[in-house]
Amino acid sequence: MSSLLLQLPSFPSIASGVALHLLVLRHGEWDQSAPAIVSWYLAFVAIGLLLPSVTQLHVGAGPLFQFLICHLAGLFSSIIIYRVFFHRLRKFPGPIIAGITAFYASYLSAKKFHKFKEIENLHQQYGDYVRVGPRELSIADPRAVLSIYGSPSKTTKGPFYDGAQPYVSVHSDRDKKRHARRRRTWDHAFSTSALRDYEHRVSKYSSQLLSVVSDQIGRAIDMGRWFNYYSFDIMGDLTFGKSFEMLVTGQDSYMLSTLHNDLQSLGPFLHVMWFIPFFKMVDTRRKNEPEKPDIFTWLLKEFREGEQTEKDYLFLHGDADLAVVAGSDTTAATLTNIFYELASSPTWTAKLQSEIDAVDHSTYQALAQMPLLNATIDETLRLHPPLPSGMQRVTPPQGIRFDDVYIPGDCIVQMPLHTVFRDERCFPQPTKFIPERWTTQPELIRDRSAYIPFGSGPFSCAGKRLALMEMRRVTVDLLSRYDVALAKEQTHEDFYEGQSDVFTLVHGRGLQLVFTERKSENS
C-alpha cells in the first residue's frame, strides 16, 4: 500500500506541504515573512509559465501547477487539522473559523470598525475566554489584568507591534531591555520639570480653541474636529517646535487628513503610509534647537549620544511619530467623549462648574487637585477607553496561570478594555456615567485594579501626565466660560455609531455641540 502511495505523483507534493507546516511554519512567528512567502509561490508560478518558452525542454506547465496545487492542499489541510484538533488553544471556546484563520480578527475589525463591540458580543456568547485567532485569546476576566499587563507580568508585546517596521518607536519596541533603556528618555521628556515648561504652550492652544468657540456661540460646532486640531497643534509644537496651525486656519493639515484616511482604509490591518511627511519634519527639527527644551530635545539627545546608526535614525523617526500621533489622537478622542458625557449630564456639569469657580485654576498643579474634574476624566476613560480592544501580548514559554485557568505559552492574549471596564464584577451599574463612583460613592467600584486606561507596568503610557494636562486645561477653560449642550441634530445613536476602533478610538462623525455664555460665573 505504501509503495502504491509513493508512486502517485500527488503524494510527494502533498507530503511537502504537510512537512512545511509541521516542521517549519508551526514554529515561531511568520507575520512579517508573509509577503516573502507569497512572493516565493508567485515566483514558482512564473517559472511554470515561462519554462517552456525559455528552454528546449518540451515540458508543459501542467505538472508544475499540479505539484503546486497538491502542495498547497497538503499545507492548508495540515494547518486546518492541527489548529482545530491539536492546537494548544483547542479547548478554549470560540467560533470555529477563528481557530482556523487570523483573518477572522481582521473581519471583526472591518465590520463598521467596531471591533470592541464585536468582541464584547463574543464574550457574552462564550464567556471570559474566547479564541479569536489560531493562537489568540481574548480575555475578559478581571483577574487576569495584572498577570497580563502589570509590572510582574512575564508577557511580551505581540506581533501587532511589528507593523511599522523599520520605524520602531518605544511603544512598538518588543525588546524588553531596549524598551526599558529608551523609556528612560521618555520619562525625562515628561518629568515634572518638563511639564512645567510645556504648561504655557498648552495654555496657548487652549486659548486659541476658546477663540474658535467664542465665534460660534449659540450655534452648532463640531468639537470632535476642533479637539483634534487642539491636540495635534500641541504635539506638533512640543515635538517639532512648530504648530500645524490648524486651530488658526480651521483646516486639516496634510498630516492629519492623510493619517485619518489611512486609519479608515487600513484600520483592520496596519497603517504606515502616512508616515512619509515625518522625514522632512524630523530633519528640519534636528537642525533647529528651540530656546526651551521640548519632547524632541530628549529624543535627539539620546540619538546624538548613541552610535547614530541607520537603525538609530529609524528609531528616532519612530519616536517622533509616536509623540505626535499617540499624543494627539487619544487625547482628542477622550476630550470628545468627555464633552459628550458633560453635554448629556447637565446636573453633573453644573457641579463641576461650581468646583471650577471655587478654585484658582491658573496652574497645572491646581487643576490636578480638583476631585470632580478628575472623576469626570476617570469615568469617561472607563466608559470610552482610548484603546478599546486593549494591548496585544504574548505569553511566556511556560504559560501563565490565574486561579483555575492556565494559558499555554507562546499564545497571543488581549484584554478588551471596553468590556472589562464595563464589567458588573468591577463596576456596578457599568454602562452609566456616574463620576461619583470616584468620589462620594466608592461602593460603585469593586475592583479598581482592573482599571488601566493608560496601561500598566513597564509598557504603560509615558505621556499620561501631559495628556491629563491638556484635558484638564481645556475642560476648565471652556466650562468656566460656557454652558454646553448637544446640538439638536446630534443623537446618542449617531455618536456611538461614529466611533471607530482602529487600535485607538477615533470619532469619524465628530460631535455637534452648542456653547452658550454661562448664566452665572465667578470670574
Protein backbone atom coordinates (compact mmCIF):
# COMPACT_ATOMS: atom_id res chain seq x y z
CA MET A 1 0.00 0.00 0.00
CA SER A 2 2.79 2.42 0.94
CA SER A 3 4.64 1.71 -2.31
CA LEU A 4 1.46 2.43 -4.26
CA LEU A 5 1.09 5.79 -2.50
CA LEU A 6 4.66 6.73 -3.26
CA GLN A 7 4.04 6.03 -6.95
CA LEU A 8 1.22 8.56 -7.07
CA PRO A 9 2.57 11.86 -8.43
CA SER A 10 0.45 13.84 -5.99
CA PHE A 11 1.73 12.18 -2.82
CA PRO A 12 5.20 13.79 -2.63
CA SER A 13 3.72 17.24 -3.27
CA ILE A 14 1.04 16.76 -0.60
CA ALA A 15 3.69 15.48 1.80
CA SER A 16 5.88 18.52 1.09
CA GLY A 17 3.02 20.82 2.12
CA VAL A 18 2.39 18.89 5.33
CA ALA A 19 6.10 18.84 6.15
CA LEU A 20 6.44 22.59 5.54
CA HIS A 21 3.71 23.25 8.07
CA LEU A 22 4.72 20.75 10.73
CA LEU A 23 8.48 21.27 10.57
CA VAL A 24 8.71 24.98 9.77
CA LEU A 25 5.63 27.19 9.83
CA ARG A 26 4.23 25.74 13.05
CA HIS A 27 7.18 27.19 14.97
CA GLY A 28 7.94 30.87 15.62
CA GLU A 29 6.29 33.96 14.16
CA TRP A 30 5.81 34.36 10.43
CA ASP A 31 3.74 37.55 10.32
CA GLN A 32 6.49 39.71 8.85
CA SER A 33 7.56 36.94 6.45
CA ALA A 34 4.15 36.53 4.83
CA PRO A 35 4.88 38.84 1.85
CA ALA A 36 8.14 36.98 1.14
CA ILE A 37 6.41 33.60 1.32
CA VAL A 38 3.71 34.72 -1.10
CA SER A 39 6.42 36.10 -3.41
CA TRP A 40 8.15 32.71 -3.50
CA TYR A 41 4.94 30.98 -4.53
CA LEU A 42 4.27 33.60 -7.20
CA ALA A 43 7.81 33.11 -8.48
CA PHE A 44 7.12 29.38 -8.70
CA VAL A 45 4.03 30.09 -10.81
CA ALA A 46 6.02 32.44 -13.05
CA ILE A 47 8.66 29.77 -13.61
CA GLY A 48 5.95 27.33 -14.56
CA LEU A 49 4.59 29.73 -17.16
CA LEU A 50 7.97 30.75 -18.61
CA LEU A 51 9.80 27.42 -18.53
CA PRO A 52 8.51 26.02 -21.85
CA SER A 53 9.31 29.21 -23.77
CA VAL A 54 12.85 29.79 -22.48
CA THR A 55 14.15 26.20 -22.54
CA GLN A 56 14.41 23.43 -25.09
CA LEU A 57 12.54 21.12 -22.74
CA HIS A 58 9.18 20.01 -24.02
CA VAL A 59 7.68 20.22 -20.57
CA GLY A 60 4.38 21.96 -20.07
CA ALA A 61 3.36 23.97 -17.03
CA GLY A 62 0.74 21.35 -16.11
CA PRO A 63 2.93 19.12 -13.91
CA LEU A 64 4.34 22.10 -12.03
CA PHE A 65 0.89 23.52 -11.34
CA GLN A 66 -0.33 20.07 -10.31
CA PHE A 67 2.55 19.86 -7.85
CA LEU A 68 1.76 23.35 -6.53
CA ILE A 69 -1.97 22.63 -6.09
CA CYS A 70 -1.29 19.38 -4.26
CA HIS A 71 1.41 21.03 -2.17
CA LEU A 72 -0.96 23.81 -1.11
CA ALA A 73 -3.71 21.28 -0.44
CA GLY A 74 -1.36 19.41 1.90
CA LEU A 75 -0.21 22.62 3.54
CA PHE A 76 -3.66 24.04 4.27
CA SER A 77 -5.14 20.69 5.22
CA SER A 78 -2.37 20.21 7.77
CA ILE A 79 -2.88 23.73 9.12
CA ILE A 80 -6.64 23.30 9.50
CA ILE A 81 -6.49 19.85 11.07
CA TYR A 82 -3.77 20.91 13.50
CA ARG A 83 -5.48 24.13 14.54
CA VAL A 84 -8.89 22.54 15.05
CA PHE A 85 -7.91 19.25 16.75
CA PHE A 86 -4.37 19.53 18.15
CA HIS A 87 -3.53 23.19 18.86
CA ARG A 88 -2.77 24.13 22.47
CA LEU A 89 -5.74 26.53 22.43
CA ARG A 90 -8.23 23.99 21.07
CA LYS A 91 -10.03 23.67 24.42
CA PHE A 92 -10.97 27.34 24.58
CA PRO A 93 -14.39 28.23 23.13
CA GLY A 94 -14.95 30.48 20.15
CA PRO A 95 -16.10 30.47 16.52
CA ILE A 96 -14.56 27.56 14.62
CA ILE A 97 -13.41 29.88 11.84
CA ALA A 98 -11.46 31.95 14.39
CA GLY A 99 -9.32 28.95 15.28
CA ILE A 100 -8.56 28.33 11.60
CA THR A 101 -7.55 31.74 10.28
CA ALA A 102 -6.29 35.06 11.64
CA PHE A 103 -8.36 36.83 9.00
CA TYR A 104 -11.35 36.37 11.29
CA ALA A 105 -9.97 39.07 13.61
CA SER A 106 -9.48 41.36 10.61
CA TYR A 107 -13.09 40.68 9.64
CA LEU A 108 -14.21 41.78 13.11
CA SER A 109 -12.18 44.98 12.77
CA ALA A 110 -13.56 45.80 9.34
CA LYS A 111 -17.16 45.37 10.50
CA LYS A 112 -18.03 49.07 10.85
CA PHE A 113 -14.67 49.44 12.64
CA HIS A 114 -16.48 48.34 15.82
CA LYS A 115 -14.16 45.51 16.82
CA PHE A 116 -14.60 46.25 20.53
CA LYS A 117 -18.36 45.73 20.18
CA GLU A 118 -17.94 42.53 18.17
CA ILE A 119 -15.52 41.15 20.75
CA GLU A 120 -17.93 42.07 23.54
CA ASN A 121 -20.68 40.12 21.77
CA LEU A 122 -18.38 37.09 21.57
CA HIS A 123 -17.70 37.26 25.30
CA GLN A 124 -21.41 37.44 26.02
CA GLN A 125 -21.83 34.28 23.97
CA TYR A 126 -18.77 32.24 25.02
CA GLY A 127 -17.65 33.63 28.40
CA ASP A 128 -14.47 35.24 29.74
CA TYR A 129 -12.08 33.34 27.43
CA VAL A 130 -12.68 33.36 23.70
CA ARG A 131 -10.42 32.05 20.96
CA VAL A 132 -10.41 34.78 18.31
CA GLY A 133 -7.43 33.59 16.26
CA PRO A 134 -5.38 30.44 15.65
CA ARG A 135 -3.14 31.26 18.61
CA GLU A 136 -5.00 34.25 20.03
CA LEU A 137 -7.28 34.57 23.06
CA SER A 138 -9.48 37.47 24.05
CA ILE A 139 -9.70 37.55 27.85
CA ALA A 140 -12.41 39.48 29.73
CA ASP A 141 -11.65 38.05 33.18
CA PRO A 142 -10.73 40.96 35.50
CA ARG A 143 -8.46 38.63 37.49
CA ALA A 144 -6.11 38.48 34.52
CA VAL A 145 -5.36 42.21 34.20
CA LEU A 146 -2.24 42.35 36.35
CA SER A 147 -0.98 38.95 35.15
CA ILE A 148 -1.05 40.17 31.56
CA TYR A 149 -0.32 43.90 31.85
CA GLY A 150 1.05 44.51 35.36
CA SER A 151 4.65 45.08 36.45
CA PRO A 152 5.28 41.43 37.48
CA SER A 153 3.91 40.12 34.17
CA LYS A 154 6.15 37.87 32.08
CA THR A 155 4.28 38.58 28.87
CA THR A 156 5.88 40.45 25.96
CA LYS A 157 4.41 42.60 23.20
CA GLY A 158 2.71 40.77 20.35
CA PRO A 159 3.44 40.74 16.60
CA PHE A 160 1.00 43.62 16.01
CA TYR A 161 3.73 45.98 17.19
CA ASP A 162 5.98 44.99 14.28
CA GLY A 163 3.62 46.66 11.82
CA ALA A 164 5.54 49.93 11.46
CA GLN A 165 8.98 48.39 10.96
CA PRO A 166 11.63 49.55 10.39
CA TYR A 167 10.37 52.68 12.22
CA VAL A 168 10.36 51.21 15.72
CA SER A 169 9.14 53.62 18.39
CA VAL A 170 9.46 52.98 22.11
CA HIS A 171 5.78 51.99 22.01
CA SER A 172 6.34 49.32 19.35
CA ASP A 173 9.71 48.06 20.63
CA ARG A 174 9.26 44.40 21.61
CA ASP A 175 12.73 44.02 23.12
CA LYS A 176 12.19 44.48 26.87
CA LYS A 177 15.73 45.57 27.72
CA ARG A 178 15.96 48.03 24.84
CA HIS A 179 12.49 49.32 25.62
CA ALA A 180 13.49 49.97 29.25
CA ARG A 181 16.53 51.97 28.10
CA ARG A 182 14.53 54.02 25.60
CA ARG A 183 11.69 54.52 28.07
CA ARG A 184 14.02 56.36 30.46
CA THR A 185 14.44 59.06 27.80
CA TRP A 186 10.67 59.46 27.55
CA ASP A 187 10.36 59.67 31.31
CA HIS A 188 12.76 62.64 31.23
CA ALA A 189 10.66 64.24 28.50
CA PHE A 190 7.56 64.02 30.73
CA SER A 191 9.14 64.76 34.10
CA THR A 192 7.62 67.30 36.48
CA SER A 193 10.09 69.99 35.45
CA ALA A 194 9.50 69.28 31.75
CA LEU A 195 5.73 69.54 32.21
CA ARG A 196 6.16 72.98 33.81
CA ASP A 197 7.92 74.10 30.62
CA TYR A 198 5.09 72.72 28.48
CA GLU A 199 2.28 74.26 30.53
CA HIS A 200 2.26 77.72 28.95
CA ARG A 201 2.33 76.17 25.48
CA VAL A 202 -0.70 74.02 26.27
CA SER A 203 -2.49 77.10 27.59
CA LYS A 204 -1.70 78.95 24.37
CA TYR A 205 -3.58 76.40 22.27
CA SER A 206 -6.42 76.22 24.75
CA SER A 207 -6.83 79.98 24.29
CA GLN A 208 -6.88 79.53 20.53
CA LEU A 209 -9.63 76.92 20.88
CA LEU A 210 -11.60 79.30 23.13
CA SER A 211 -11.42 81.93 20.38
CA VAL A 212 -12.91 79.46 17.92
CA VAL A 213 -15.76 78.62 20.29
CA SER A 214 -16.45 82.29 21.06
CA ASP A 215 -17.08 82.90 17.35
CA GLN A 216 -19.69 80.11 17.33
CA ILE A 217 -21.68 80.93 20.46
CA GLY A 218 -25.23 79.63 20.21
CA ARG A 219 -24.51 77.68 17.02
CA ALA A 220 -23.66 74.03 16.46
CA ILE A 221 -19.93 73.38 16.29
CA ASP A 222 -18.15 70.09 15.57
CA MET A 223 -15.96 69.84 18.67
CA GLY A 224 -14.62 66.43 17.64
CA ARG A 225 -12.87 68.18 14.77
CA TRP A 226 -11.61 71.09 16.90
CA PHE A 227 -10.33 68.84 19.68
CA ASN A 228 -8.29 67.05 17.01
CA TYR A 229 -6.84 70.37 15.92
CA TYR A 230 -6.09 71.32 19.53
CA SER A 231 -4.24 68.13 20.40
CA PHE A 232 -2.34 67.90 17.07
CA ASP A 233 -1.23 71.53 17.25
CA ILE A 234 0.11 71.00 20.76
CA MET A 235 2.06 67.87 19.85
CA GLY A 236 3.40 69.49 16.68
CA ASP A 237 4.74 72.32 18.83
CA LEU A 238 6.18 70.06 21.55
CA THR A 239 7.75 67.63 19.07
CA PHE A 240 8.86 69.75 16.11
CA GLY A 241 8.82 73.22 17.66
CA LYS A 242 6.16 74.20 15.15
CA SER A 243 2.37 74.04 15.33
CA PHE A 244 0.36 72.55 12.48
CA GLU A 245 -1.68 75.82 12.68
CA MET A 246 -5.00 74.00 12.37
CA LEU A 247 -6.65 75.99 15.16
CA VAL A 248 -5.72 79.16 13.27
CA THR A 249 -6.61 78.09 9.73
CA GLY A 250 -9.58 75.88 10.64
CA GLN A 251 -8.42 73.29 8.11
CA ASP A 252 -6.90 69.82 8.32
CA SER A 253 -3.17 69.73 7.87
CA TYR A 254 -1.84 67.27 5.32
CA MET A 255 -0.57 65.16 8.23
CA LEU A 256 -3.94 64.87 9.93
CA SER A 257 -6.03 64.22 6.82
CA THR A 258 -3.60 61.61 5.47
CA LEU A 259 -3.39 59.86 8.83
CA HIS A 260 -7.16 59.62 9.28
CA ASN A 261 -7.75 58.49 5.70
CA ASP A 262 -5.22 55.70 6.15
CA LEU A 263 -6.69 54.72 9.51
CA GLN A 264 -10.10 54.29 7.93
CA SER A 265 -8.83 52.35 4.92
CA LEU A 266 -6.20 50.21 6.65
CA GLY A 267 -7.50 50.11 10.21
CA PRO A 268 -8.17 46.35 10.29
CA PHE A 269 -4.56 45.77 9.31
CA LEU A 270 -1.65 48.18 9.87
CA HIS A 271 -1.02 51.70 8.74
CA VAL A 272 2.31 53.28 7.92
CA MET A 273 1.82 55.07 4.60
CA TRP A 274 1.08 58.44 6.20
CA PHE A 275 4.48 58.33 7.89
CA ILE A 276 6.34 59.78 4.90
CA PRO A 277 5.84 63.51 5.76
CA PHE A 278 7.68 62.97 9.04
CA PHE A 279 11.03 62.64 7.25
CA LYS A 280 11.29 66.32 6.40
CA MET A 281 9.90 67.49 9.74
CA VAL A 282 12.34 65.38 11.73
CA ASP A 283 15.30 66.58 9.66
CA THR A 284 14.21 70.21 9.98
CA ARG A 285 13.77 69.92 13.74
CA ARG A 286 17.22 68.32 14.13
CA LYS A 287 18.77 71.48 12.67
CA ASN A 288 16.78 73.93 14.78
CA GLU A 289 17.14 73.85 18.55
CA PRO A 290 14.34 75.64 20.46
CA GLU A 291 15.04 78.11 23.27
CA LYS A 292 13.31 75.84 25.78
CA PRO A 293 13.54 72.03 25.75
CA ASP A 294 10.65 70.03 24.30
CA ILE A 295 9.93 66.33 23.82
CA PHE A 296 12.18 66.08 20.78
CA THR A 297 15.05 67.62 22.74
CA TRP A 298 15.28 64.47 24.84
CA LEU A 299 14.83 62.12 21.89
CA LEU A 300 17.54 63.92 19.94
CA LYS A 301 19.87 63.88 22.95
CA GLU A 302 19.63 60.09 23.16
CA PHE A 303 20.22 59.82 19.39
CA ARG A 304 23.33 62.03 19.47
CA GLU A 305 24.80 60.21 22.46
CA GLY A 306 24.42 56.87 20.67
CA GLU A 307 26.23 55.44 17.66
CA GLN A 308 23.88 57.25 15.24
CA THR A 309 23.48 54.21 13.06
CA GLU A 310 20.83 53.88 10.37
CA LYS A 311 18.82 51.85 12.86
CA ASP A 312 19.07 54.62 15.45
CA TYR A 313 17.90 57.10 12.83
CA LEU A 314 14.84 54.96 12.08
CA PHE A 315 14.11 54.68 15.80
CA LEU A 316 14.24 58.48 16.04
CA HIS A 317 11.64 58.74 13.28
CA GLY A 318 9.52 56.13 15.02
CA ASP A 319 9.58 58.07 18.29
CA ALA A 320 8.67 61.32 16.51
CA ASP A 321 5.68 59.53 15.02
CA LEU A 322 4.68 58.22 18.43
CA ALA A 323 4.92 61.63 20.09
CA VAL A 324 2.60 63.32 17.60
CA VAL A 325 0.09 60.60 16.80
CA ALA A 326 -0.24 58.74 20.10
CA GLY A 327 -0.09 62.03 21.97
CA SER A 328 -2.88 63.62 19.94
CA ASP A 329 -5.35 61.01 18.68
CA THR A 330 -6.05 59.55 22.11
CA THR A 331 -6.32 62.98 23.76
CA ALA A 332 -8.67 64.29 21.08
CA ALA A 333 -10.91 61.23 21.33
CA THR A 334 -11.05 61.45 25.12
CA LEU A 335 -11.89 65.17 25.07
CA THR A 336 -14.68 64.41 22.58
CA ASN A 337 -16.01 61.73 24.93
CA ILE A 338 -15.71 64.00 27.98
CA PHE A 339 -17.80 66.72 26.39
CA TYR A 340 -20.31 64.22 25.06
CA GLU A 341 -20.85 62.98 28.62
CA LEU A 342 -20.92 66.51 30.07
CA ALA A 343 -23.41 67.72 27.48
CA SER A 344 -25.57 64.68 28.28
CA SER A 345 -25.31 65.20 32.08
CA PRO A 346 -26.21 68.84 32.89
CA THR A 347 -26.60 68.20 36.65
CA TRP A 348 -23.06 66.84 36.98
CA THR A 349 -21.71 69.57 34.70
CA ALA A 350 -23.18 72.23 36.99
CA LYS A 351 -21.41 70.62 39.97
CA LEU A 352 -18.14 70.58 38.06
CA GLN A 353 -18.57 74.25 37.13
CA SER A 354 -19.07 75.09 40.79
CA GLU A 355 -15.78 73.39 41.60
CA ILE A 356 -14.08 75.29 38.79
CA ASP A 357 -15.46 78.61 40.04
CA ALA A 358 -14.11 77.95 43.55
CA VAL A 359 -10.57 77.04 42.51
CA ASP A 360 -7.65 79.11 41.29
CA HIS A 361 -7.08 77.17 38.10
CA SER A 362 -4.15 79.18 36.79
CA THR A 363 -1.62 76.37 37.31
CA TYR A 364 -1.38 72.73 36.33
CA GLN A 365 -0.82 71.74 39.96
CA ALA A 366 -4.15 73.31 40.94
CA LEU A 367 -6.02 71.53 38.15
CA ALA A 368 -4.53 68.18 39.14
CA GLN A 369 -6.04 68.52 42.63
CA MET A 370 -9.66 69.02 41.50
CA PRO A 371 -11.58 65.87 42.57
CA LEU A 372 -14.69 66.42 40.43
CA LEU A 373 -12.63 67.19 37.35
CA ASN A 374 -10.53 64.08 37.89
CA ALA A 375 -13.67 62.00 38.47
CA THR A 376 -15.09 63.26 35.17
CA ILE A 377 -11.97 62.19 33.31
CA ASP A 378 -11.75 58.82 35.07
CA GLU A 379 -15.38 57.96 34.41
CA THR A 380 -15.09 58.99 30.77
CA LEU A 381 -11.98 56.85 30.31
CA ARG A 382 -13.80 53.94 31.93
CA LEU A 383 -16.74 54.15 29.55
CA HIS A 384 -14.66 55.10 26.49
CA PRO A 385 -11.10 53.72 26.85
CA PRO A 386 -8.69 55.17 24.25
CA LEU A 387 -7.56 51.63 23.33
CA PRO A 388 -10.93 49.85 23.46
CA SER A 389 -9.66 46.47 22.27
CA GLY A 390 -6.67 46.50 24.60
CA MET A 391 -2.99 45.81 24.03
CA GLN A 392 -1.62 42.65 22.42
CA ARG A 393 0.72 40.47 24.46
CA VAL A 394 2.42 37.05 24.05
CA THR A 395 2.54 34.59 26.93
CA PRO A 396 5.96 33.35 28.14
CA PRO A 397 7.10 29.81 27.15
CA GLN A 398 5.92 28.37 30.47
CA GLY A 399 2.48 29.95 30.07
CA ILE A 400 0.61 31.86 32.77
CA ARG A 401 -1.95 30.81 35.36
CA PHE A 402 -4.50 32.74 37.39
CA ASP A 403 -6.54 30.69 39.83
CA ASP A 404 -8.07 27.77 37.91
CA VAL A 405 -7.19 28.98 34.41
CA TYR A 406 -3.99 28.08 32.55
CA ILE A 407 -2.98 29.88 29.34
CA PRO A 408 -0.33 27.95 27.36
CA GLY A 409 2.94 29.55 26.33
CA ASP A 410 3.59 31.40 23.08
CA CYS A 411 -0.04 32.46 22.70
CA ILE A 412 -1.31 35.92 21.84
CA VAL A 413 -3.57 37.36 24.53
CA GLN A 414 -5.51 40.59 24.55
CA MET A 415 -7.94 42.05 27.07
CA PRO A 416 -10.76 44.14 25.57
CA LEU A 417 -10.69 47.14 27.91
CA HIS A 418 -14.09 48.34 26.73
CA THR A 419 -15.56 45.06 28.00
CA VAL A 420 -13.50 44.82 31.20
CA PHE A 421 -14.23 48.42 32.23
CA ARG A 422 -17.96 47.76 31.81
CA ASP A 423 -17.94 44.56 33.83
CA GLU A 424 -20.52 44.38 36.64
CA ARG A 425 -17.99 42.46 38.74
CA CYS A 426 -15.75 45.54 38.79
CA PHE A 427 -18.17 48.45 38.40
CA PRO A 428 -21.83 48.21 39.44
CA GLN A 429 -24.18 49.99 37.01
CA PRO A 430 -21.36 49.63 34.50
CA THR A 431 -22.93 51.36 31.48
CA LYS A 432 -23.97 54.51 33.34
CA PHE A 433 -21.93 57.72 33.56
CA ILE A 434 -21.57 58.08 37.34
CA PRO A 435 -18.47 60.17 38.19
CA GLU A 436 -19.46 59.97 41.87
CA ARG A 437 -18.10 56.41 41.93
CA TRP A 438 -14.63 58.04 42.01
CA THR A 439 -15.54 60.46 44.83
CA THR A 440 -18.56 60.05 47.13
CA GLN A 441 -19.80 56.60 46.05
CA PRO A 442 -16.76 54.28 46.28
CA GLU A 443 -19.10 51.28 46.64
CA LEU A 444 -19.59 51.59 42.87
CA ILE A 445 -16.01 50.39 42.39
CA ARG A 446 -15.46 46.76 43.34
CA ASP A 447 -12.12 46.10 41.66
CA ARG A 448 -10.02 49.17 40.88
CA SER A 449 -7.05 47.05 39.76
CA ALA A 450 -8.96 46.26 36.55
CA TYR A 451 -8.99 49.96 35.58
CA ILE A 452 -5.89 50.66 33.45
CA PRO A 453 -6.86 53.25 30.77
CA PHE A 454 -3.20 54.26 30.33
CA GLY A 455 -1.89 50.71 30.53
CA SER A 456 0.10 49.29 33.42
CA GLY A 457 3.58 48.12 34.22
CA PRO A 458 6.71 48.88 32.16
CA PHE A 459 4.71 49.43 28.96
CA SER A 460 2.29 51.99 30.41
CA CYS A 461 1.73 55.30 28.62
CA ALA A 462 4.72 57.61 29.07
CA GLY A 463 2.70 60.71 28.13
CA LYS A 464 -0.11 60.17 30.64
CA ARG A 465 0.55 63.35 32.63
CA LEU A 466 0.81 65.53 29.53
CA ALA A 467 -2.46 64.11 28.20
CA LEU A 468 -4.16 64.84 31.52
CA MET A 469 -2.74 68.36 31.48
CA GLU A 470 -4.23 69.00 28.05
CA MET A 471 -7.62 67.56 29.02
CA ARG A 472 -7.85 69.42 32.32
CA ARG A 473 -6.72 72.73 30.84
CA VAL A 474 -9.21 72.94 28.01
CA THR A 475 -12.10 71.45 30.02
CA VAL A 476 -11.69 74.03 32.75
CA ASP A 477 -11.20 76.90 30.30
CA LEU A 478 -14.37 76.03 28.39
CA LEU A 479 -16.64 75.28 31.37
CA SER A 480 -15.53 78.35 33.30
CA ARG A 481 -16.98 80.49 30.50
CA TYR A 482 -19.68 78.43 28.81
CA ASP A 483 -22.57 76.06 29.33
CA VAL A 484 -22.63 73.15 26.89
CA ALA A 485 -25.41 71.07 25.32
CA LEU A 486 -25.81 68.60 22.48
CA ALA A 487 -26.88 70.21 19.21
CA LYS A 488 -30.40 69.31 18.07
CA GLU A 489 -29.05 67.21 15.22
CA GLN A 490 -26.64 65.30 17.47
CA THR A 491 -28.17 61.98 18.57
CA HIS A 492 -26.72 59.49 21.02
CA GLU A 493 -27.06 56.74 18.43
CA ASP A 494 -25.11 58.68 15.82
CA PHE A 495 -22.36 59.46 18.33
CA TYR A 496 -21.80 55.80 19.16
CA GLU A 497 -22.10 54.68 15.55
CA GLY A 498 -19.42 57.22 14.64
CA GLN A 499 -16.84 55.64 16.95
CA SER A 500 -14.15 53.65 15.15
CA ASP A 501 -11.76 51.16 16.71
CA VAL A 502 -8.52 51.43 14.72
CA PHE A 503 -6.34 50.39 17.67
CA THR A 504 -7.07 53.83 19.14
CA LEU A 505 -10.65 55.07 19.41
CA VAL A 506 -11.49 57.83 16.90
CA HIS A 507 -14.68 59.72 16.10
CA GLY A 508 -15.26 59.79 12.38
CA ARG A 509 -18.50 61.77 12.65
CA GLY A 510 -17.34 64.27 15.24
CA LEU A 511 -19.56 65.73 17.96
CA GLN A 512 -22.00 68.57 17.39
CA LEU A 513 -22.26 70.81 20.48
CA VAL A 514 -23.75 74.20 21.31
CA PHE A 515 -21.94 76.52 23.72
CA THR A 516 -23.71 79.42 25.42
CA GLU A 517 -22.45 82.06 27.82
CA ARG A 518 -22.68 81.00 31.46
CA LYS A 519 -25.73 82.40 33.22
CA SER A 520 -23.65 82.93 36.33
CA GLU A 521 -19.93 82.54 36.94
CA ASN A 522 -17.36 83.78 39.39
CA SER A 523 -14.70 85.21 37.17
